[in-house]
Amino acid sequence: MTSVKEQEAIRKLMVFLQEWDRAHRVARSRILDNFIKSNDGKTEPELELEFSQGASLFLARLAAWLRMTYTYSTCLNKLLKSVGIFLSAASGRRYLIEFLETGGVVILLEILGLDHLKEEDKRESVKLLQLVADAGTKYKELICESYGVQSLATFLATSNSAEAQDNVQVLMDSLGRGNPKYQNQVYKGLVAVLPCASPHAQQLALQTLRVMQEVVGEVPSALVEPVLAVLCSVHLEVQYEALQLLKALMAHAVRPALLKGLVAFLTPPRKKPFTFCDETTKDPTAPCRKEPVLVYIQQAAAAKAIGVLAKESAEVAEELIQLKVVHGLVVAVGNLDHAASQRHASISLEYFVQTFPFVEECVKKALGHTLFQQFMDSPETWYTKLDPVQAEELASSTVDIPRDMAKMQCTEDTNSEVS
């Protein structure tokens, strides 16, 4: 038989549950406020003590109200935070299972796709999904099986909240670890984010892709184009992360395609530096940052990346030479419309000239004695003294290096080191 004290506790629980069942939105909102204030951070035993071993009865009511009202945002943030108290409770795995049995994961993912809901509500939903993922591999699989990767990638790409995007990155990183069945799906989801308009989302996706390289192994060829495309970003943090990912990808089979793409960026079609806005803009004569300017940004980023990659690996440097990188760098130096292209191309060109004697001979022949001497004296600033005629000569010059010469040079260097 139950004691008088236990009977009284049960009576209070029943009164509380009846109060909830009869309450309208305003009253329920007040109940949620009190619940969050009184129970945040409590463990499973503490919650059970608070609810006279009937905490699951309240969780079931929260889950039911969430399922009925999440589409029109009735106290949604408070409701999600209240559910979070149960899901985050130490030793409270049974609360997680009970919530998932009500279709909790699907609801949380659907919240992310509802445009009319507030960013803070979606951020709270991501936090709950993180609690689910933290519970182990089978729970990560459940999220992925519920089309979670697609939902999270879309939200990452479209969210206006940097904090929410940061939370999604942590969750995507978690889904990509200890989840061998779906890690490739997570990887491809992150690749799909790269073409989006949000530089912060691009930065986070690139960071996570680089970290995931250790567990994914081989890289899908579909990655090449999106990674190269982000080099036209005007945001330096995006370019930096793209370069870090490129460095990690040099050990994989996509390397030849990436190097070929980088070299191609050095010689974009020669156009005017600006296009003009169309008739839908307020000022049709205002210059717009469209393709010609973006290809110059891409050219500069490629020139910088080529120098970094070549310095890290002699083998990569030799492959670049065979792809006619020296010709591309000389052309980029002659781009008077974009000083960054000239600077990065000149610095990268210096490395190839200093490292490979046959490159030095070919560049000297292409530039002529005077220009080559200026280049050798001050590779970081000589391009600032180029006049339009000299720049045109560089932009239209041809530096012809036989494809096998780099390989021959490498063989000679190796033999000399051995002897």
Protein backbone atom coordinates (compact mmCIF):
# COMPACT_ATOMS: atom_id res chain seq x y z
CA MET A 1 0.00 0.00 0.00
CA THR A 2 1.15 3.51 -0.71
CA SER A 3 1.88 5.86 2.15
CA VAL A 4 -0.10 9.00 2.83
CA LYS A 5 2.82 11.06 1.56
CA GLU A 6 2.94 9.12 -1.69
CA GLN A 7 -0.82 9.42 -2.15
CA GLU A 8 -0.59 13.17 -1.67
CA ALA A 9 2.21 13.41 -4.25
CA ILE A 10 0.16 11.41 -6.75
CA ARG A 11 -2.86 13.65 -6.10
CA LYS A 12 -0.76 16.75 -6.82
CA LEU A 13 0.49 15.20 -10.05
CA MET A 14 -3.05 14.43 -11.19
CA VAL A 15 -4.15 17.98 -10.36
CA PHE A 16 -1.23 19.36 -12.35
CA LEU A 17 -1.97 17.16 -15.37
CA GLN A 18 -5.67 18.07 -15.26
CA GLU A 19 -4.74 21.73 -15.10
CA TRP A 20 -2.62 21.27 -18.23
CA ASP A 21 -5.32 19.33 -20.06
CA ARG A 22 -7.95 22.01 -19.38
CA ALA A 23 -5.72 25.02 -19.98
CA HIS A 24 -5.78 27.19 -23.09
CA ARG A 25 -2.72 28.65 -24.82
CA VAL A 26 -2.04 31.51 -22.37
CA ALA A 27 -2.34 29.28 -19.32
CA ARG A 28 -0.17 26.58 -20.89
CA SER A 29 2.44 29.18 -21.74
CA ARG A 30 2.55 30.15 -18.06
CA ILE A 31 2.88 26.50 -17.03
CA LEU A 32 5.79 26.07 -19.43
CA ASP A 33 7.50 29.18 -18.03
CA ASN A 34 7.30 27.77 -14.52
CA PHE A 35 8.45 24.32 -15.65
CA ILE A 36 11.51 25.70 -17.46
CA LYS A 37 12.43 27.96 -14.55
CA SER A 38 12.11 25.19 -11.96
CA ASN A 39 13.52 22.18 -13.79
CA ASP A 40 16.25 23.29 -16.20
CA GLY A 41 19.32 21.09 -15.74
CA LYS A 42 17.63 18.44 -13.60
CA THR A 43 18.53 14.77 -13.86
CA GLU A 44 16.07 11.93 -14.52
CA PRO A 45 15.76 11.02 -10.80
CA GLU A 46 15.15 14.67 -9.93
CA LEU A 47 12.45 15.02 -12.58
CA GLU A 48 10.79 11.82 -11.39
CA LEU A 49 10.84 13.13 -7.83
CA GLU A 50 9.29 16.39 -9.02
CA PHE A 51 6.50 14.53 -10.83
CA SER A 52 5.99 11.69 -8.34
CA GLN A 53 7.44 9.11 -10.76
CA GLY A 54 5.11 10.36 -13.48
CA ALA A 55 7.34 12.70 -15.49
CA SER A 56 6.72 10.68 -18.64
CA LEU A 57 3.03 11.61 -18.44
CA PHE A 58 3.91 15.29 -18.79
CA LEU A 59 6.45 14.60 -21.54
CA ALA A 60 3.76 12.73 -23.47
CA ARG A 61 1.50 15.77 -23.23
CA LEU A 62 4.29 18.08 -24.40
CA ALA A 63 4.99 15.82 -27.37
CA ALA A 64 1.30 15.64 -28.28
CA TRP A 65 0.87 19.43 -28.14
CA LEU A 66 4.04 19.89 -30.17
CA ARG A 67 2.75 17.50 -32.82
CA MET A 68 -0.55 19.40 -33.06
CA THR A 69 0.75 22.98 -33.00
CA TYR A 70 4.29 23.18 -34.42
CA THR A 71 3.12 24.40 -37.82
CA TYR A 72 1.62 27.60 -36.43
CA SER A 73 4.11 28.43 -33.67
CA THR A 74 1.96 28.27 -30.53
CA CYS A 75 4.47 28.74 -27.71
CA LEU A 76 6.85 26.75 -29.89
CA ASN A 77 10.08 27.99 -28.36
CA LYS A 78 8.94 27.30 -24.79
CA LEU A 79 7.59 23.92 -25.84
CA LEU A 80 10.88 22.90 -27.45
CA LYS A 81 12.87 24.09 -24.43
CA SER A 82 10.61 22.06 -22.14
CA VAL A 83 11.13 18.94 -24.25
CA GLY A 84 14.85 19.69 -24.16
CA ILE A 85 14.83 19.51 -20.36
CA PHE A 86 13.72 15.90 -20.62
CA LEU A 87 16.03 14.95 -23.49
CA SER A 88 19.09 16.46 -21.81
CA ALA A 89 18.40 15.01 -18.37
CA ALA A 90 21.25 12.84 -17.12
CA SER A 91 20.23 9.15 -17.02
CA GLY A 92 17.12 10.08 -18.96
CA ARG A 93 17.54 7.84 -22.02
CA ARG A 94 13.96 6.59 -21.61
CA TYR A 95 12.66 10.13 -22.14
CA LEU A 96 14.50 10.25 -25.45
CA ILE A 97 13.02 6.93 -26.54
CA GLU A 98 9.52 8.03 -25.53
CA PHE A 99 9.85 11.26 -27.50
CA LEU A 100 11.18 9.49 -30.59
CA GLU A 101 8.31 6.99 -30.48
CA THR A 102 5.91 9.91 -30.99
CA GLY A 103 7.67 10.89 -34.24
CA GLY A 104 9.79 13.54 -32.57
CA VAL A 105 12.65 13.51 -35.08
CA VAL A 106 10.37 14.05 -38.07
CA ILE A 107 8.65 16.97 -36.33
CA LEU A 108 11.97 18.62 -35.45
CA LEU A 109 13.18 18.29 -39.04
CA GLU A 110 9.92 19.63 -40.46
CA ILE A 111 10.24 22.70 -38.24
CA LEU A 112 13.47 23.56 -40.06
CA GLY A 113 11.67 23.71 -43.39
CA LEU A 114 8.81 26.02 -42.37
CA ASP A 115 9.65 29.48 -43.67
CA HIS A 116 7.18 31.33 -41.44
CA LEU A 117 8.70 30.07 -38.19
CA LYS A 118 11.23 32.14 -36.27
CA GLU A 119 14.96 31.46 -36.48
CA GLU A 120 15.13 31.01 -32.70
CA ASP A 121 12.55 28.22 -32.90
CA LYS A 122 14.52 26.46 -35.61
CA ARG A 123 17.71 26.89 -33.61
CA GLU A 124 16.03 25.23 -30.64
CA SER A 125 14.96 22.39 -32.91
CA VAL A 126 18.56 21.87 -34.03
CA LYS A 127 19.64 21.70 -30.38
CA LEU A 128 17.15 18.91 -29.74
CA LEU A 129 18.35 17.03 -32.82
CA GLN A 130 21.87 17.35 -31.44
CA LEU A 131 20.72 15.69 -28.21
CA VAL A 132 19.29 12.86 -30.29
CA ALA A 133 22.53 12.45 -32.26
CA ASP A 134 24.58 12.50 -29.06
CA ALA A 135 22.75 9.38 -27.89
CA GLY A 136 24.64 7.12 -30.29
CA THR A 137 24.97 5.65 -33.77
CA LYS A 138 21.46 4.24 -34.11
CA TYR A 139 20.02 7.65 -33.28
CA LYS A 140 22.23 9.34 -35.86
CA GLU A 141 20.99 6.78 -38.36
CA LEU A 142 17.40 7.61 -37.43
CA ILE A 143 17.98 11.28 -38.24
CA CYS A 144 19.56 10.40 -41.59
CA GLU A 145 16.82 7.91 -42.43
CA SER A 146 14.29 10.69 -41.85
CA TYR A 147 15.89 12.79 -44.62
CA GLY A 148 17.66 14.77 -41.94
CA VAL A 149 20.82 15.49 -43.94
CA GLN A 150 18.84 17.17 -46.71
CA SER A 151 16.81 19.22 -44.23
CA LEU A 152 19.88 20.31 -42.28
CA ALA A 153 21.87 21.18 -45.41
CA THR A 154 19.00 23.28 -46.75
CA PHE A 155 18.64 25.09 -43.43
CA LEU A 156 22.39 25.70 -43.23
CA ALA A 157 22.36 27.23 -46.70
CA THR A 158 19.31 29.45 -46.17
CA SER A 159 19.38 30.45 -42.50
CA ASN A 160 19.89 34.11 -41.63
CA SER A 161 21.23 33.29 -38.17
CA ALA A 162 24.97 32.71 -37.81
CA GLU A 163 24.36 31.06 -34.43
CA ALA A 164 21.87 28.63 -35.98
CA GLN A 165 24.31 27.86 -38.79
CA ASP A 166 27.03 27.17 -36.23
CA ASN A 167 24.71 24.76 -34.44
CA VAL A 168 23.92 22.97 -37.71
CA GLN A 169 27.62 22.60 -38.46
CA VAL A 170 28.20 20.92 -35.10
CA LEU A 171 25.28 18.57 -35.76
CA MET A 172 26.41 17.75 -39.31
CA ASP A 173 29.91 17.05 -38.01
CA SER A 174 28.41 14.75 -35.38
CA LEU A 175 26.32 12.91 -38.00
CA GLY A 176 29.46 12.41 -40.08
CA ARG A 177 31.34 10.71 -37.25
CA GLY A 178 30.64 7.25 -35.86
CA ASN A 179 27.97 6.82 -38.50
CA PRO A 180 29.57 4.74 -41.29
CA LYS A 181 26.26 3.88 -42.93
CA TYR A 182 25.47 7.50 -43.70
CA GLN A 183 28.77 9.39 -43.57
CA ASN A 184 28.94 9.68 -47.36
CA GLN A 185 25.42 11.09 -47.39
CA VAL A 186 26.49 13.74 -44.88
CA TYR A 187 29.55 14.54 -46.99
CA LYS A 188 27.45 15.00 -50.13
CA GLY A 189 24.98 17.13 -48.18
CA LEU A 190 27.78 19.50 -47.24
CA VAL A 191 28.98 19.64 -50.86
CA ALA A 192 25.45 20.68 -51.85
CA VAL A 193 25.76 23.70 -49.53
CA LEU A 194 28.80 25.15 -51.32
CA PRO A 195 26.95 26.91 -54.18
CA CYS A 196 24.64 28.77 -51.75
CA ALA A 197 24.59 32.55 -51.29
CA SER A 198 25.60 32.53 -47.61
CA PRO A 199 29.37 32.99 -47.12
CA HIS A 200 29.14 31.82 -43.51
CA ALA A 201 27.41 28.61 -44.60
CA GLN A 202 30.08 28.09 -47.26
CA GLN A 203 32.81 28.60 -44.70
CA LEU A 204 31.25 26.11 -42.25
CA ALA A 205 30.61 23.52 -44.97
CA LEU A 206 34.22 23.74 -46.18
CA GLN A 207 35.53 23.37 -42.63
CA THR A 208 33.42 20.28 -41.98
CA LEU A 209 34.30 18.70 -45.32
CA ARG A 210 37.99 19.07 -44.52
CA VAL A 211 37.56 17.43 -41.12
CA MET A 212 35.48 14.62 -42.64
CA GLN A 213 38.22 13.73 -45.14
CA GLU A 214 39.86 11.61 -42.45
CA VAL A 215 36.81 9.34 -42.13
CA VAL A 216 35.33 9.43 -45.64
CA GLY A 217 38.41 8.35 -47.54
CA GLU A 218 37.95 8.68 -51.30
CA VAL A 219 36.32 11.82 -52.63
CA PRO A 220 33.42 11.92 -55.10
CA SER A 221 34.26 13.63 -58.39
CA ALA A 222 31.18 15.82 -57.91
CA LEU A 223 33.17 17.76 -55.31
CA VAL A 224 35.60 19.28 -57.85
CA GLU A 225 33.38 21.88 -59.47
CA PRO A 226 31.75 23.27 -56.25
CA VAL A 227 35.09 23.57 -54.45
CA LEU A 228 36.73 25.38 -57.36
CA ALA A 229 33.68 27.61 -57.77
CA VAL A 230 33.90 29.04 -54.24
CA LEU A 231 37.30 30.50 -55.11
CA CYS A 232 35.40 33.37 -56.74
CA SER A 233 34.03 34.37 -53.32
CA VAL A 234 34.82 37.94 -52.29
CA HIS A 235 35.00 36.75 -48.68
CA LEU A 236 38.53 35.94 -47.61
CA GLU A 237 37.40 33.50 -44.92
CA VAL A 238 35.67 31.41 -47.59
CA GLN A 239 38.74 31.47 -49.82
CA TYR A 240 40.92 30.46 -46.86
CA GLU A 241 38.75 27.44 -46.03
CA ALA A 242 38.62 26.46 -49.70
CA LEU A 243 42.41 26.49 -49.82
CA GLN A 244 42.66 24.37 -46.67
CA LEU A 245 40.29 21.83 -48.21
CA LEU A 246 42.28 21.84 -51.46
CA LYS A 247 45.41 20.98 -49.49
CA ALA A 248 43.62 18.04 -47.87
CA LEU A 249 42.35 16.85 -51.27
CA MET A 250 45.81 16.65 -52.82
CA ALA A 251 46.17 13.13 -51.42
CA HIS A 252 43.11 11.88 -53.30
CA ALA A 253 42.22 10.84 -56.83
CA VAL A 254 40.51 14.17 -57.59
CA ARG A 255 43.89 15.95 -57.53
CA PRO A 256 44.45 16.01 -61.32
CA ALA A 257 40.99 17.50 -61.93
CA LEU A 258 41.49 20.12 -59.22
CA LEU A 259 44.92 21.15 -60.52
CA LYS A 260 43.63 21.32 -64.08
CA GLY A 261 40.78 23.56 -62.91
CA LEU A 262 43.11 25.87 -60.97
CA VAL A 263 45.38 26.32 -63.97
CA ALA A 264 42.40 27.04 -66.22
CA PHE A 265 41.34 29.87 -63.88
CA LEU A 266 44.61 31.67 -64.60
CA THR A 267 43.58 32.42 -68.17
CA PRO A 268 39.92 33.47 -68.14
CA PRO A 269 38.33 34.90 -71.30
CA ARG A 270 39.58 38.45 -71.74
CA LYS A 271 36.65 40.80 -71.07
CA LYS A 272 36.01 44.28 -69.77
CA PRO A 273 36.43 44.53 -66.01
CA PHE A 274 32.76 45.39 -65.43
CA THR A 275 29.37 44.52 -66.82
CA PHE A 276 26.45 46.84 -66.19
CA CYS A 277 23.28 46.35 -64.22
CA ASP A 278 20.15 45.41 -66.11
CA GLU A 279 17.04 47.55 -66.47
CA THR A 280 15.47 46.21 -63.27
CA THR A 281 17.96 48.08 -61.10
CA LYS A 282 17.56 51.66 -59.96
CA ASP A 283 20.68 52.81 -61.77
CA PRO A 284 21.27 50.96 -65.06
CA THR A 285 24.65 52.66 -65.49
CA ALA A 286 26.04 51.43 -62.18
CA PRO A 287 28.76 48.78 -62.52
CA CYS A 288 27.80 45.40 -61.09
CA ARG A 289 30.03 42.73 -59.58
CA LYS A 290 29.21 40.15 -62.24
CA GLU A 291 31.20 37.53 -64.09
CA PRO A 292 34.24 39.52 -65.34
CA VAL A 293 35.11 40.78 -61.86
CA LEU A 294 34.40 37.40 -60.28
CA VAL A 295 36.67 35.57 -62.71
CA TYR A 296 39.47 37.95 -61.74
CA ILE A 297 38.88 37.14 -58.07
CA GLN A 298 38.94 33.48 -59.02
CA GLN A 299 42.13 34.05 -61.01
CA ALA A 300 43.85 35.65 -58.01
CA ALA A 301 42.68 32.91 -55.64
CA ALA A 302 43.86 30.22 -58.04
CA ALA A 303 47.27 31.86 -58.39
CA LYS A 304 47.61 31.97 -54.61
CA ALA A 305 46.43 28.37 -54.18
CA ILE A 306 48.82 27.13 -56.85
CA GLY A 307 51.77 28.66 -55.02
CA VAL A 308 50.72 27.15 -51.69
CA LEU A 309 50.10 23.68 -53.14
CA ALA A 310 53.31 23.67 -55.15
CA LYS A 311 55.42 24.62 -52.13
CA GLU A 312 53.91 21.78 -50.10
CA SER A 313 54.65 19.06 -52.69
CA ALA A 314 57.29 18.80 -55.40
CA GLU A 315 55.15 16.20 -57.11
CA VAL A 316 52.22 18.63 -57.27
CA ALA A 317 54.54 21.36 -58.58
CA GLU A 318 55.70 19.07 -61.38
CA GLU A 319 52.13 18.17 -62.32
CA LEU A 320 51.26 21.86 -62.45
CA ILE A 321 54.20 22.56 -64.78
CA GLN A 322 52.99 19.82 -67.10
CA LEU A 323 49.57 21.54 -67.08
CA LYS A 324 51.27 24.75 -68.37
CA VAL A 325 50.90 26.63 -65.09
CA VAL A 326 53.87 28.86 -65.86
CA HIS A 327 52.16 30.24 -68.94
CA GLY A 328 49.01 30.88 -66.89
CA LEU A 329 50.90 32.71 -64.15
CA VAL A 330 52.63 34.97 -66.66
CA VAL A 331 49.25 35.81 -68.22
CA ALA A 332 47.80 36.60 -64.78
CA VAL A 333 50.69 38.95 -64.01
CA GLY A 334 49.67 40.94 -67.07
CA ASN A 335 46.11 41.53 -65.79
CA LEU A 336 46.20 45.29 -65.07
CA ASP A 337 42.51 45.17 -64.15
CA HIS A 338 43.17 43.18 -60.96
CA ALA A 339 46.25 43.85 -58.84
CA ALA A 340 45.59 40.84 -56.60
CA SER A 341 45.94 38.54 -59.60
CA GLN A 342 49.25 40.16 -60.48
CA ARG A 343 50.60 39.94 -56.94
CA HIS A 344 49.68 36.30 -56.24
CA ALA A 345 50.70 35.16 -59.71
CA SER A 346 54.05 36.89 -59.38
CA ILE A 347 54.76 35.33 -55.97
CA SER A 348 53.82 31.85 -57.21
CA LEU A 349 55.82 32.34 -60.39
CA GLU A 350 58.88 33.19 -58.32
CA TYR A 351 58.69 29.81 -56.60
CA PHE A 352 58.67 27.91 -59.88
CA VAL A 353 61.53 30.02 -61.26
CA GLN A 354 63.65 29.57 -58.15
CA THR A 355 62.93 25.84 -57.88
CA PHE A 356 63.18 24.66 -61.46
CA PRO A 357 66.12 25.93 -63.59
CA PHE A 358 64.39 25.04 -66.85
CA VAL A 359 61.41 27.20 -65.80
CA GLU A 360 63.79 30.07 -65.14
CA GLU A 361 65.21 29.75 -68.65
CA CYS A 362 61.76 29.68 -70.28
CA VAL A 363 60.42 32.63 -68.26
CA LYS A 364 63.52 34.68 -68.94
CA LYS A 365 63.08 34.05 -72.64
CA ALA A 366 59.40 35.01 -72.51
CA LEU A 367 59.85 38.20 -70.44
CA GLY A 368 63.02 39.50 -71.98
CA HIS A 369 66.16 40.50 -70.07
CA THR A 370 64.87 43.81 -68.62
CA LEU A 371 61.50 42.57 -67.34
CA PHE A 372 62.98 39.35 -66.03
CA GLN A 373 65.62 41.26 -64.07
CA GLN A 374 62.94 43.49 -62.55
CA PHE A 375 60.98 40.39 -61.63
CA MET A 376 63.96 38.72 -59.96
CA ASP A 377 64.90 41.90 -58.08
CA SER A 378 61.44 42.44 -56.60
CA PRO A 379 58.91 39.69 -57.37
CA GLU A 380 56.33 41.12 -54.95
CA THR A 381 56.21 44.61 -56.47
CA TRP A 382 57.64 44.57 -60.01
CA TYR A 383 54.21 44.24 -61.59
CA THR A 384 53.26 47.71 -60.25
CA LYS A 385 55.75 49.24 -62.69
CA LEU A 386 54.38 47.51 -65.78
CA ASP A 387 53.09 49.83 -68.47
CA PRO A 388 50.08 48.84 -70.64
CA VAL A 389 52.29 47.69 -73.51
CA GLN A 390 54.34 45.40 -71.25
CA ALA A 391 51.20 44.09 -69.56
CA GLU A 392 49.68 43.29 -72.95
CA GLU A 393 52.81 41.43 -73.95
CA LEU A 394 52.60 39.31 -70.81
CA ALA A 395 48.87 38.67 -71.18
CA SER A 396 49.35 37.48 -74.73
CA SER A 397 52.70 35.74 -74.27
CA THR A 398 53.32 32.04 -74.63
CA VAL A 399 55.67 30.21 -72.26
CA ASP A 400 56.20 26.81 -73.81
CA ILE A 401 57.64 24.17 -71.48
CA PRO A 402 57.76 20.57 -72.75
CA ARG A 403 55.41 18.38 -70.68
CA ASP A 404 58.09 15.84 -69.79
CA MET A 405 60.71 18.35 -68.70
CA ALA A 406 59.47 18.60 -65.10
CA LYS A 407 59.55 14.83 -64.78
CA MET A 408 63.07 14.73 -66.14
CA GLN A 409 64.15 17.43 -63.71
CA CYS A 410 62.62 15.51 -60.82
CA THR A 411 64.49 12.36 -61.85
CA GLU A 412 67.78 14.26 -62.01
CA ASP A 413 67.21 15.83 -58.56
CA THR A 414 66.35 12.43 -57.06
CA ASN A 415 69.43 10.80 -58.53
CA SER A 416 71.70 13.55 -57.27
CA GLU A 417 70.27 13.25 -53.76
CA VAL A 418 70.80 9.46 -53.76
CA SER A 419 74.39 9.77 -54.96
